[in-house]
């Protein structure tokens, strides 16, 4: 399977990405009323996708503001609380990949390219909100890339609306790390021992 990764504004790829995230959130997060269609944040954020030829296999939204953190804290507050060095921050949102992609067990590759693209957009840190289990899985993926991934158990994170029923934790990937060049584009991907159903973040 030949997979490409990119930021896209292609209407067909975007629509397929919206369908993938709707299916993932409805089935796996047990949110049957979740509507995966275009949101306001999709228009001002950057949509990162994985595609096989013209078919979208999944993606994530990269947004340069705090709205997706389910927190009253600003980026500046979080950086101070977590003792982070100065830098530009984004949020990875609506991360979802299809069953076809998961069966290829290339989630670490997905993370690698998401990191590279986010760094190319000028970001030094990427925050995300997910379940604790998925956060641990993402940390494992990042560890193979030599990218620090910090799960912030002590930071307030209060999901809203239909997400309020779900367990959530805030995490942060340190993109501007000196080890990044070692991790990127190397043949370092591992075979996943976990079941390939880790697929979604808020």
N, C-alpha and C. Protein backbone atom coordinates (compact mmCIF):
# COMPACT_ATOMS: atom_id res chain seq x y z
N UNK A 1 0.84 -1.19 0.00
CA UNK A 1 0.00 0.00 0.00
C UNK A 1 0.88 1.25 0.00
N UNK A 2 0.73 2.08 -1.04
CA UNK A 2 1.51 3.32 -1.16
C UNK A 2 0.68 4.47 -0.58
N UNK A 3 1.14 5.01 0.54
CA UNK A 3 0.38 6.06 1.23
C UNK A 3 1.14 7.38 1.15
N UNK A 4 0.42 8.46 0.86
CA UNK A 4 0.97 9.81 0.85
C UNK A 4 0.34 10.60 1.98
N UNK A 5 1.09 11.58 2.50
CA UNK A 5 0.62 12.41 3.61
C UNK A 5 0.78 13.87 3.22
N UNK A 6 -0.24 14.67 3.51
CA UNK A 6 -0.18 16.07 3.07
C UNK A 6 -1.27 16.90 3.74
N UNK A 7 -1.09 18.21 3.69
CA UNK A 7 -2.16 19.15 3.99
C UNK A 7 -2.99 19.29 2.71
N UNK A 8 -4.31 19.24 2.85
CA UNK A 8 -5.14 19.30 1.64
C UNK A 8 -6.29 20.28 1.78
N UNK A 9 -6.69 20.82 0.64
CA UNK A 9 -7.93 21.58 0.52
C UNK A 9 -8.80 20.97 -0.58
N UNK A 10 -8.41 19.79 -1.05
CA UNK A 10 -9.16 19.12 -2.10
C UNK A 10 -10.53 18.71 -1.56
N UNK A 11 -11.60 19.18 -2.20
CA UNK A 11 -12.96 18.90 -1.67
C UNK A 11 -13.27 17.42 -1.52
N UNK A 12 -12.81 16.59 -2.45
CA UNK A 12 -13.10 15.16 -2.37
C UNK A 12 -12.39 14.52 -1.19
N UNK A 13 -11.11 14.83 -1.02
CA UNK A 13 -10.37 14.27 0.11
C UNK A 13 -10.93 14.75 1.44
N UNK A 14 -11.31 16.02 1.49
CA UNK A 14 -11.88 16.55 2.72
C UNK A 14 -13.19 15.83 3.07
N UNK A 15 -14.04 15.65 2.09
CA UNK A 15 -15.32 14.98 2.35
C UNK A 15 -15.09 13.55 2.82
N UNK A 16 -14.12 12.86 2.24
CA UNK A 16 -13.83 11.49 2.66
C UNK A 16 -13.26 11.48 4.08
N UNK A 17 -12.42 12.46 4.41
CA UNK A 17 -11.89 12.56 5.78
C UNK A 17 -13.02 12.80 6.77
N UNK A 18 -13.96 13.68 6.43
CA UNK A 18 -15.10 13.94 7.32
C UNK A 18 -15.90 12.66 7.54
N UNK A 19 -16.04 11.84 6.50
CA UNK A 19 -16.78 10.58 6.62
C UNK A 19 -16.04 9.60 7.52
N UNK A 20 -14.71 9.53 7.38
CA UNK A 20 -13.92 8.63 8.22
C UNK A 20 -14.06 9.02 9.67
N UNK A 21 -13.94 10.31 9.98
CA UNK A 21 -14.00 10.70 11.39
C UNK A 21 -15.41 10.51 11.96
N UNK A 22 -16.43 10.70 11.13
CA UNK A 22 -17.79 10.47 11.62
C UNK A 22 -17.98 9.00 11.98
N UNK A 23 -17.53 8.10 11.12
CA UNK A 23 -17.66 6.67 11.40
C UNK A 23 -16.89 6.27 12.65
N UNK A 24 -15.66 6.78 12.78
CA UNK A 24 -14.83 6.44 13.94
C UNK A 24 -15.46 6.93 15.24
N UNK A 25 -15.91 8.16 15.25
CA UNK A 25 -16.46 8.73 16.48
C UNK A 25 -17.79 8.09 16.85
N UNK A 26 -18.61 7.80 15.84
CA UNK A 26 -19.90 7.18 16.13
C UNK A 26 -19.73 5.75 16.66
N UNK A 27 -18.85 4.99 16.02
CA UNK A 27 -18.74 3.57 16.35
C UNK A 27 -17.83 3.32 17.55
N UNK A 28 -16.70 4.01 17.61
CA UNK A 28 -15.70 3.67 18.61
C UNK A 28 -15.80 4.50 19.88
N UNK A 29 -16.24 5.75 19.75
CA UNK A 29 -16.48 6.54 20.94
C UNK A 29 -17.93 6.45 21.42
N UNK A 30 -18.72 5.66 20.69
CA UNK A 30 -20.13 5.45 21.06
C UNK A 30 -20.88 6.78 21.11
N UNK A 31 -20.68 7.59 20.07
CA UNK A 31 -21.37 8.87 19.94
C UNK A 31 -22.21 8.83 18.67
N UNK A 32 -23.36 8.16 18.70
CA UNK A 32 -24.14 7.94 17.48
C UNK A 32 -24.63 9.22 16.82
N UNK A 33 -24.72 10.31 17.58
CA UNK A 33 -25.21 11.56 17.00
C UNK A 33 -24.08 12.46 16.49
N UNK A 34 -22.84 11.99 16.58
CA UNK A 34 -21.72 12.83 16.15
C UNK A 34 -21.80 13.09 14.64
N UNK A 35 -21.70 14.33 14.27
CA UNK A 35 -21.74 14.76 12.87
C UNK A 35 -20.31 15.10 12.44
N UNK A 36 -19.77 14.30 11.54
CA UNK A 36 -18.38 14.52 11.12
C UNK A 36 -18.21 15.52 10.01
N UNK A 37 -19.29 16.13 9.55
CA UNK A 37 -19.18 17.07 8.43
C UNK A 37 -18.41 18.32 8.82
N UNK A 38 -18.14 19.18 7.84
CA UNK A 38 -17.26 20.33 8.04
C UNK A 38 -17.71 21.20 9.21
N UNK A 39 -16.73 21.58 10.03
CA UNK A 39 -16.93 22.48 11.16
C UNK A 39 -16.19 23.78 10.88
N UNK A 40 -16.51 24.81 11.66
CA UNK A 40 -15.85 26.10 11.46
C UNK A 40 -14.33 25.96 11.59
N UNK A 41 -13.88 25.15 12.55
CA UNK A 41 -12.45 24.98 12.76
C UNK A 41 -11.76 24.33 11.57
N UNK A 42 -12.50 23.56 10.77
CA UNK A 42 -11.91 22.96 9.57
C UNK A 42 -11.53 24.04 8.56
N UNK A 43 -12.28 25.13 8.55
CA UNK A 43 -12.04 26.18 7.57
C UNK A 43 -10.84 27.04 7.93
N UNK A 44 -10.60 27.25 9.24
CA UNK A 44 -9.44 28.08 9.60
C UNK A 44 -8.23 27.26 10.05
N UNK A 45 -8.42 25.95 10.20
CA UNK A 45 -7.30 25.09 10.53
C UNK A 45 -6.69 24.49 9.27
N UNK A 46 -5.71 23.61 9.47
CA UNK A 46 -5.08 22.88 8.37
C UNK A 46 -5.46 21.41 8.50
N UNK A 47 -5.97 20.83 7.42
CA UNK A 47 -6.39 19.43 7.45
C UNK A 47 -5.28 18.56 6.86
N UNK A 48 -4.74 17.70 7.71
CA UNK A 48 -3.69 16.76 7.34
C UNK A 48 -4.35 15.42 7.03
N UNK A 49 -4.01 14.84 5.88
CA UNK A 49 -4.64 13.57 5.50
C UNK A 49 -3.59 12.54 5.09
N UNK A 50 -3.97 11.29 5.27
CA UNK A 50 -3.25 10.15 4.70
C UNK A 50 -4.10 9.64 3.55
N UNK A 51 -3.50 9.43 2.38
CA UNK A 51 -4.29 8.99 1.24
C UNK A 51 -3.55 7.90 0.47
N UNK A 52 -4.33 7.02 -0.10
CA UNK A 52 -3.83 6.03 -1.04
C UNK A 52 -4.38 6.41 -2.41
N UNK A 53 -3.52 6.90 -3.28
CA UNK A 53 -3.95 7.47 -4.55
C UNK A 53 -4.95 8.60 -4.28
N UNK A 54 -6.20 8.46 -4.70
CA UNK A 54 -7.18 9.53 -4.48
C UNK A 54 -8.13 9.22 -3.33
N UNK A 55 -7.86 8.16 -2.58
CA UNK A 55 -8.76 7.77 -1.48
C UNK A 55 -8.18 8.19 -0.14
N UNK A 56 -8.95 8.92 0.65
CA UNK A 56 -8.51 9.34 1.97
C UNK A 56 -8.66 8.21 2.97
N UNK A 57 -7.61 7.94 3.73
CA UNK A 57 -7.62 6.87 4.73
C UNK A 57 -7.73 7.41 6.15
N UNK A 58 -7.70 8.73 6.30
CA UNK A 58 -7.80 9.32 7.63
C UNK A 58 -7.08 10.65 7.67
N UNK A 59 -7.08 11.26 8.84
CA UNK A 59 -6.41 12.55 8.95
C UNK A 59 -6.57 13.16 10.32
N UNK A 60 -6.21 14.43 10.40
CA UNK A 60 -6.29 15.19 11.64
C UNK A 60 -6.37 16.67 11.29
N UNK A 61 -6.89 17.44 12.22
CA UNK A 61 -6.97 18.89 12.04
C UNK A 61 -5.91 19.54 12.91
N UNK A 62 -5.15 20.45 12.32
CA UNK A 62 -4.11 21.18 13.03
C UNK A 62 -4.58 22.62 13.19
N UNK A 63 -4.76 23.06 14.43
CA UNK A 63 -5.33 24.38 14.70
C UNK A 63 -4.41 25.16 15.63
N UNK A 64 -4.17 26.41 15.31
CA UNK A 64 -3.26 27.23 16.09
C UNK A 64 -3.92 28.05 17.17
N UNK A 65 -4.95 27.49 17.83
CA UNK A 65 -5.52 28.17 19.00
C UNK A 65 -5.97 27.14 20.02
N UNK A 66 -6.41 27.61 21.18
CA UNK A 66 -6.70 26.73 22.31
C UNK A 66 -8.11 26.16 22.33
N UNK A 67 -8.94 26.48 21.35
CA UNK A 67 -10.36 26.15 21.46
C UNK A 67 -10.63 24.67 21.63
N UNK A 68 -9.77 23.82 21.08
CA UNK A 68 -10.02 22.38 21.14
C UNK A 68 -9.49 21.69 22.38
N UNK A 69 -9.00 22.45 23.35
CA UNK A 69 -8.38 21.84 24.52
C UNK A 69 -9.37 21.48 25.62
N UNK A 70 -10.63 21.90 25.48
CA UNK A 70 -11.61 21.68 26.54
C UNK A 70 -11.10 22.21 27.87
N UNK A 71 -10.42 23.34 27.83
CA UNK A 71 -9.78 23.88 29.01
C UNK A 71 -9.93 25.39 29.03
N UNK A 72 -9.97 25.94 30.23
CA UNK A 72 -10.00 27.40 30.36
C UNK A 72 -8.59 27.99 30.28
N UNK A 73 -7.60 27.12 30.21
CA UNK A 73 -6.21 27.58 30.19
C UNK A 73 -5.80 27.98 28.78
N UNK A 74 -5.02 29.03 28.67
CA UNK A 74 -4.46 29.44 27.39
C UNK A 74 -3.17 28.67 27.13
N UNK A 75 -2.64 28.79 25.91
CA UNK A 75 -1.34 28.18 25.62
C UNK A 75 -0.29 28.70 26.59
N UNK A 76 -0.31 30.00 26.84
CA UNK A 76 0.69 30.60 27.75
C UNK A 76 0.58 30.00 29.15
N UNK A 77 -0.66 29.82 29.63
CA UNK A 77 -0.86 29.22 30.95
C UNK A 77 -0.33 27.79 30.98
N UNK A 78 -0.63 27.03 29.93
CA UNK A 78 -0.19 25.64 29.87
C UNK A 78 1.33 25.55 29.82
N UNK A 79 1.93 26.41 29.02
CA UNK A 79 3.40 26.36 28.91
C UNK A 79 4.05 26.68 30.25
N UNK A 80 3.47 27.63 30.98
CA UNK A 80 4.01 27.96 32.30
C UNK A 80 3.80 26.80 33.27
N UNK A 81 2.60 26.23 33.28
CA UNK A 81 2.28 25.15 34.20
C UNK A 81 3.13 23.91 33.93
N UNK A 82 3.44 23.65 32.66
CA UNK A 82 4.20 22.46 32.29
C UNK A 82 5.69 22.72 32.15
N UNK A 83 6.11 23.95 32.47
CA UNK A 83 7.53 24.33 32.39
C UNK A 83 8.10 24.12 31.00
N UNK A 84 7.35 24.51 29.98
CA UNK A 84 7.81 24.38 28.60
C UNK A 84 8.61 25.61 28.19
N UNK A 85 9.61 25.40 27.36
CA UNK A 85 10.36 26.52 26.80
C UNK A 85 9.47 27.31 25.84
N UNK A 86 9.77 28.58 25.60
CA UNK A 86 8.95 29.37 24.67
C UNK A 86 8.86 28.71 23.29
N UNK A 87 7.70 28.84 22.66
CA UNK A 87 7.51 28.28 21.33
C UNK A 87 6.08 28.45 20.87
N UNK A 88 5.86 28.13 19.60
CA UNK A 88 4.53 28.23 19.01
C UNK A 88 3.76 26.92 19.22
N UNK A 89 2.48 27.03 19.56
CA UNK A 89 1.67 25.87 19.91
C UNK A 89 0.51 25.67 18.93
N UNK A 90 0.13 24.42 18.76
CA UNK A 90 -1.07 24.08 18.01
C UNK A 90 -1.81 22.99 18.76
N UNK A 91 -2.99 22.67 18.26
CA UNK A 91 -3.78 21.54 18.79
C UNK A 91 -4.04 20.57 17.65
N UNK A 92 -3.81 19.28 17.91
CA UNK A 92 -4.22 18.24 16.97
C UNK A 92 -5.62 17.80 17.36
N UNK A 93 -6.55 17.94 16.45
CA UNK A 93 -7.95 17.63 16.72
C UNK A 93 -8.49 16.65 15.69
N UNK A 94 -9.63 16.03 16.03
CA UNK A 94 -10.38 15.19 15.10
C UNK A 94 -9.48 14.16 14.39
N UNK A 95 -8.55 13.59 15.14
CA UNK A 95 -7.67 12.56 14.57
C UNK A 95 -8.47 11.28 14.41
N UNK A 96 -8.50 10.75 13.19
CA UNK A 96 -9.23 9.51 12.93
C UNK A 96 -8.65 8.84 11.70
N UNK A 97 -8.53 7.51 11.75
CA UNK A 97 -8.05 6.76 10.59
C UNK A 97 -8.97 5.57 10.35
N UNK A 98 -9.03 5.14 9.11
CA UNK A 98 -9.95 4.07 8.70
C UNK A 98 -9.43 2.70 9.13
N UNK A 99 -10.31 1.71 9.08
CA UNK A 99 -9.91 0.34 9.39
C UNK A 99 -8.85 -0.14 8.39
N UNK A 100 -8.98 0.26 7.14
CA UNK A 100 -7.98 -0.13 6.13
C UNK A 100 -6.60 0.34 6.53
N UNK A 101 -6.50 1.59 7.00
CA UNK A 101 -5.21 2.12 7.41
C UNK A 101 -4.70 1.40 8.65
N UNK A 102 -5.58 1.16 9.62
CA UNK A 102 -5.14 0.52 10.86
C UNK A 102 -4.65 -0.90 10.61
N UNK A 103 -5.24 -1.58 9.68
CA UNK A 103 -4.82 -2.94 9.37
C UNK A 103 -3.40 -2.98 8.79
N UNK A 104 -2.95 -1.87 8.22
CA UNK A 104 -1.58 -1.79 7.72
C UNK A 104 -0.58 -1.53 8.83
N UNK A 105 -1.08 -1.22 10.05
CA UNK A 105 -0.26 -0.99 11.24
C UNK A 105 0.81 0.08 11.00
N UNK A 106 0.40 1.20 10.40
CA UNK A 106 1.35 2.27 10.10
C UNK A 106 1.04 3.53 10.89
N UNK A 107 0.45 3.37 12.07
CA UNK A 107 0.15 4.54 12.89
C UNK A 107 1.39 5.35 13.26
N UNK A 108 2.54 4.71 13.58
CA UNK A 108 3.73 5.53 13.86
C UNK A 108 4.16 6.37 12.66
N UNK A 109 4.01 5.83 11.46
CA UNK A 109 4.33 6.58 10.25
C UNK A 109 3.40 7.79 10.13
N UNK A 110 2.12 7.59 10.42
CA UNK A 110 1.17 8.69 10.43
C UNK A 110 1.63 9.78 11.39
N UNK A 111 2.02 9.38 12.61
CA UNK A 111 2.50 10.35 13.61
C UNK A 111 3.73 11.08 13.11
N UNK A 112 4.64 10.36 12.48
CA UNK A 112 5.87 10.96 11.98
C UNK A 112 5.56 12.10 11.00
N UNK A 113 4.70 11.82 10.04
CA UNK A 113 4.38 12.85 9.04
C UNK A 113 3.54 13.97 9.63
N UNK A 114 2.67 13.66 10.59
CA UNK A 114 1.92 14.71 11.27
C UNK A 114 2.87 15.65 12.01
N UNK A 115 3.89 15.09 12.64
CA UNK A 115 4.91 15.89 13.31
C UNK A 115 5.66 16.76 12.31
N UNK A 116 6.11 16.16 11.21
CA UNK A 116 6.86 16.91 10.21
C UNK A 116 6.04 18.07 9.64
N UNK A 117 4.78 17.79 9.31
CA UNK A 117 3.93 18.83 8.74
C UNK A 117 3.67 19.94 9.76
N UNK A 118 3.41 19.58 11.00
CA UNK A 118 3.16 20.59 12.04
C UNK A 118 4.39 21.45 12.25
N UNK A 119 5.54 20.82 12.23
CA UNK A 119 6.80 21.59 12.38
C UNK A 119 6.99 22.53 11.19
N UNK A 120 6.65 22.08 9.99
CA UNK A 120 6.80 22.93 8.81
C UNK A 120 5.86 24.13 8.84
N UNK A 121 4.77 24.01 9.61
CA UNK A 121 3.84 25.13 9.77
C UNK A 121 4.30 26.10 10.85
N UNK A 122 5.42 25.79 11.50
CA UNK A 122 6.01 26.70 12.47
C UNK A 122 5.71 26.39 13.92
N UNK A 123 5.15 25.20 14.20
CA UNK A 123 4.78 24.87 15.57
C UNK A 123 5.88 24.10 16.29
N UNK A 124 6.04 24.42 17.57
CA UNK A 124 7.03 23.76 18.41
C UNK A 124 6.41 22.73 19.35
N UNK A 125 5.13 22.91 19.65
CA UNK A 125 4.40 22.00 20.53
C UNK A 125 3.03 21.71 19.91
N UNK A 126 2.57 20.47 20.09
CA UNK A 126 1.22 20.09 19.65
C UNK A 126 0.49 19.48 20.83
N UNK A 127 -0.59 20.12 21.25
CA UNK A 127 -1.44 19.58 22.31
C UNK A 127 -2.53 18.73 21.68
N UNK A 128 -3.02 17.77 22.44
CA UNK A 128 -4.16 16.99 21.97
C UNK A 128 -4.93 16.47 23.17
N UNK A 129 -6.19 16.16 22.95
CA UNK A 129 -7.07 15.60 23.98
C UNK A 129 -7.53 14.24 23.50
N UNK A 130 -7.40 13.22 24.35
CA UNK A 130 -7.79 11.87 23.97
C UNK A 130 -8.09 11.07 25.22
N UNK A 131 -8.48 9.82 25.05
CA UNK A 131 -8.59 8.92 26.20
C UNK A 131 -7.19 8.62 26.73
N UNK A 132 -7.12 8.17 27.96
CA UNK A 132 -5.83 7.81 28.55
C UNK A 132 -5.19 6.67 27.75
N UNK A 133 -6.00 5.69 27.36
CA UNK A 133 -5.45 4.56 26.61
C UNK A 133 -4.84 5.01 25.30
N UNK A 134 -5.56 5.85 24.56
CA UNK A 134 -5.01 6.33 23.29
C UNK A 134 -3.79 7.21 23.52
N UNK A 135 -3.80 8.01 24.58
CA UNK A 135 -2.64 8.86 24.88
C UNK A 135 -1.39 8.00 25.10
N UNK A 136 -1.56 6.89 25.79
CA UNK A 136 -0.42 5.99 26.01
C UNK A 136 0.06 5.38 24.71
N UNK A 137 -0.89 5.07 23.83
CA UNK A 137 -0.51 4.52 22.53
C UNK A 137 0.24 5.57 21.70
N UNK A 138 -0.27 6.82 21.69
CA UNK A 138 0.41 7.88 20.96
C UNK A 138 1.81 8.12 21.53
N UNK A 139 1.95 8.01 22.85
CA UNK A 139 3.28 8.17 23.46
C UNK A 139 4.22 7.07 22.97
N UNK A 140 3.72 5.86 22.84
CA UNK A 140 4.53 4.77 22.31
C UNK A 140 4.97 5.07 20.88
N UNK A 141 4.04 5.55 20.05
CA UNK A 141 4.38 5.90 18.67
C UNK A 141 5.47 6.97 18.65
N UNK A 142 5.31 8.00 19.47
CA UNK A 142 6.28 9.10 19.48
C UNK A 142 7.64 8.65 20.00
N UNK A 143 7.63 7.69 20.94
CA UNK A 143 8.92 7.24 21.49
C UNK A 143 9.77 6.59 20.42
N UNK A 144 9.16 5.93 19.43
CA UNK A 144 9.93 5.33 18.36
C UNK A 144 10.53 6.38 17.43
N UNK A 145 10.00 7.60 17.51
CA UNK A 145 10.49 8.71 16.69
C UNK A 145 11.45 9.61 17.45
N UNK A 146 11.73 9.25 18.71
CA UNK A 146 12.58 10.08 19.57
C UNK A 146 11.97 11.46 19.80
N UNK A 147 10.65 11.52 19.85
CA UNK A 147 9.94 12.77 20.10
C UNK A 147 9.28 12.68 21.47
N UNK A 148 9.62 13.58 22.39
CA UNK A 148 8.98 13.56 23.71
C UNK A 148 7.48 13.78 23.59
N UNK A 149 6.71 12.97 24.31
CA UNK A 149 5.25 13.07 24.34
C UNK A 149 4.83 12.98 25.79
N UNK A 150 4.25 14.03 26.29
CA UNK A 150 3.97 14.18 27.71
C UNK A 150 2.46 14.08 27.96
N UNK A 151 2.05 13.14 28.82
CA UNK A 151 0.65 13.04 29.23
C UNK A 151 0.47 13.87 30.49
N UNK A 152 -0.43 14.83 30.44
CA UNK A 152 -0.56 15.85 31.49
C UNK A 152 -1.74 15.52 32.39
N UNK A 153 -1.57 14.54 33.26
CA UNK A 153 -2.68 14.08 34.10
C UNK A 153 -3.20 15.17 35.03
N UNK A 154 -2.32 16.09 35.44
CA UNK A 154 -2.73 17.08 36.43
C UNK A 154 -3.35 18.33 35.86
N UNK A 155 -3.52 18.39 34.54
CA UNK A 155 -4.05 19.60 33.91
C UNK A 155 -5.55 19.46 33.69
N UNK A 156 -6.27 20.52 34.05
CA UNK A 156 -7.73 20.52 33.88
C UNK A 156 -8.11 20.29 32.42
N UNK A 157 -9.07 19.40 32.22
CA UNK A 157 -9.55 19.09 30.86
C UNK A 157 -11.01 18.68 30.99
N UNK A 158 -11.91 19.56 30.61
CA UNK A 158 -13.35 19.33 30.82
C UNK A 158 -14.08 19.30 29.48
N UNK A 159 -14.29 18.11 28.90
CA UNK A 159 -14.99 18.02 27.62
C UNK A 159 -16.40 18.61 27.70
N UNK A 160 -16.88 19.08 26.57
CA UNK A 160 -18.20 19.71 26.50
C UNK A 160 -19.13 18.88 25.60
N UNK A 161 -20.41 19.17 25.74
CA UNK A 161 -21.45 18.60 24.88
C UNK A 161 -21.39 17.07 24.92
N UNK A 162 -21.43 16.43 23.76
CA UNK A 162 -21.49 14.96 23.73
C UNK A 162 -20.22 14.31 24.23
N UNK A 163 -19.11 15.06 24.26
CA UNK A 163 -17.85 14.51 24.72
C UNK A 163 -17.75 14.47 26.25
N UNK A 164 -18.70 15.13 26.94
CA UNK A 164 -18.63 15.22 28.39
C UNK A 164 -18.70 13.85 29.06
N UNK A 165 -19.30 12.87 28.40
CA UNK A 165 -19.45 11.53 28.97
C UNK A 165 -18.17 10.71 28.88
N UNK A 166 -17.18 11.20 28.13
CA UNK A 166 -15.98 10.41 27.87
C UNK A 166 -14.83 10.83 28.78
N UNK A 167 -13.97 9.85 29.08
CA UNK A 167 -12.73 10.12 29.80
C UNK A 167 -11.75 10.83 28.86
N UNK A 168 -11.14 11.91 29.33
CA UNK A 168 -10.19 12.64 28.50
C UNK A 168 -8.96 13.04 29.31
N UNK A 169 -7.85 13.14 28.61
CA UNK A 169 -6.62 13.64 29.21
C UNK A 169 -5.91 14.50 28.17
N UNK A 170 -5.23 15.53 28.65
CA UNK A 170 -4.45 16.41 27.78
C UNK A 170 -3.03 15.88 27.65
N UNK A 171 -2.50 15.92 26.43
CA UNK A 171 -1.11 15.52 26.18
C UNK A 171 -0.45 16.58 25.31
N UNK A 172 0.89 16.55 25.27
CA UNK A 172 1.62 17.49 24.42
C UNK A 172 2.82 16.79 23.80
N UNK A 173 2.98 16.97 22.50
CA UNK A 173 4.15 16.48 21.78
C UNK A 173 5.14 17.62 21.63
N UNK A 174 6.40 17.36 21.94
CA UNK A 174 7.46 18.37 21.85
C UNK A 174 8.09 18.25 20.46
N UNK A 175 7.64 19.09 19.53
CA UNK A 175 8.04 18.95 18.13
C UNK A 175 9.43 19.49 17.86
N UNK A 176 9.80 20.53 18.55
CA UNK A 176 11.07 21.20 18.27
C UNK A 176 12.15 20.62 19.18
N UNK A 177 12.43 19.35 18.95
CA UNK A 177 13.39 18.64 19.78
C UNK A 177 14.62 18.33 18.95
N UNK A 178 15.79 18.35 19.57
CA UNK A 178 17.03 18.13 18.83
C UNK A 178 17.10 16.73 18.25
N UNK A 179 16.31 15.81 18.79
CA UNK A 179 16.32 14.43 18.28
C UNK A 179 15.43 14.25 17.07
N UNK A 180 14.72 15.29 16.67
CA UNK A 180 13.74 15.10 15.61
C UNK A 180 14.36 14.63 14.31
N UNK A 181 15.49 15.21 13.93
CA UNK A 181 16.10 14.84 12.66
C UNK A 181 16.56 13.39 12.67
N UNK A 182 16.88 12.88 13.86
CA UNK A 182 17.26 11.47 13.95
C UNK A 182 16.04 10.60 13.70
N UNK A 183 14.89 11.02 14.25
CA UNK A 183 13.70 10.20 14.14
C UNK A 183 13.06 10.23 12.79
N UNK A 184 13.07 11.35 12.12
CA UNK A 184 12.28 11.51 10.90
C UNK A 184 12.89 10.74 9.73
N UNK A 185 11.99 10.17 8.93
CA UNK A 185 12.31 9.52 7.67
C UNK A 185 13.27 8.34 7.81
N UNK A 186 13.42 7.82 9.01
CA UNK A 186 14.28 6.65 9.19
C UNK A 186 13.43 5.39 9.19
N UNK A 187 14.09 4.25 9.01
CA UNK A 187 13.36 2.98 9.00
C UNK A 187 13.21 2.49 10.44
N UNK A 188 12.41 3.22 11.23
CA UNK A 188 12.33 2.95 12.66
C UNK A 188 10.96 2.46 13.08
N UNK A 189 10.03 2.27 12.17
CA UNK A 189 8.67 1.93 12.56
C UNK A 189 8.62 0.52 13.12
N UNK A 190 7.78 0.35 14.13
CA UNK A 190 7.73 -0.94 14.79
C UNK A 190 6.44 -1.67 14.43
N UNK A 191 6.43 -2.97 14.66
CA UNK A 191 5.22 -3.76 14.48
C UNK A 191 4.38 -3.64 15.73
N UNK A 192 3.12 -3.24 15.57
CA UNK A 192 2.25 -3.01 16.71
C UNK A 192 1.77 -4.33 17.30
N UNK A 193 1.98 -4.49 18.61
CA UNK A 193 1.45 -5.65 19.29
C UNK A 193 0.01 -5.41 19.74
N UNK A 194 -0.35 -4.12 19.89
CA UNK A 194 -1.71 -3.80 20.29
C UNK A 194 -2.67 -4.07 19.14
N UNK A 195 -3.92 -4.29 19.48
CA UNK A 195 -4.95 -4.41 18.45
C UNK A 195 -5.05 -3.11 17.71
N UNK A 196 -5.18 -3.12 16.37
CA UNK A 196 -5.14 -1.88 15.59
C UNK A 196 -6.45 -1.11 15.61
N UNK A 197 -6.98 -0.85 16.83
CA UNK A 197 -8.23 -0.10 16.89
C UNK A 197 -8.03 1.26 17.56
N UNK A 198 -6.80 1.62 17.85
CA UNK A 198 -6.53 2.94 18.39
C UNK A 198 -6.64 3.94 17.23
N UNK A 199 -7.63 4.81 17.30
CA UNK A 199 -7.88 5.53 16.08
C UNK A 199 -8.36 6.95 16.24
N UNK A 200 -8.82 7.35 17.41
CA UNK A 200 -9.48 8.64 17.47
C UNK A 200 -9.01 9.46 18.66
N UNK A 201 -8.99 10.75 18.44
CA UNK A 201 -8.78 11.73 19.51
C UNK A 201 -9.82 12.82 19.33
N UNK A 202 -10.12 13.52 20.39
CA UNK A 202 -11.14 14.57 20.29
C UNK A 202 -10.69 15.68 19.39
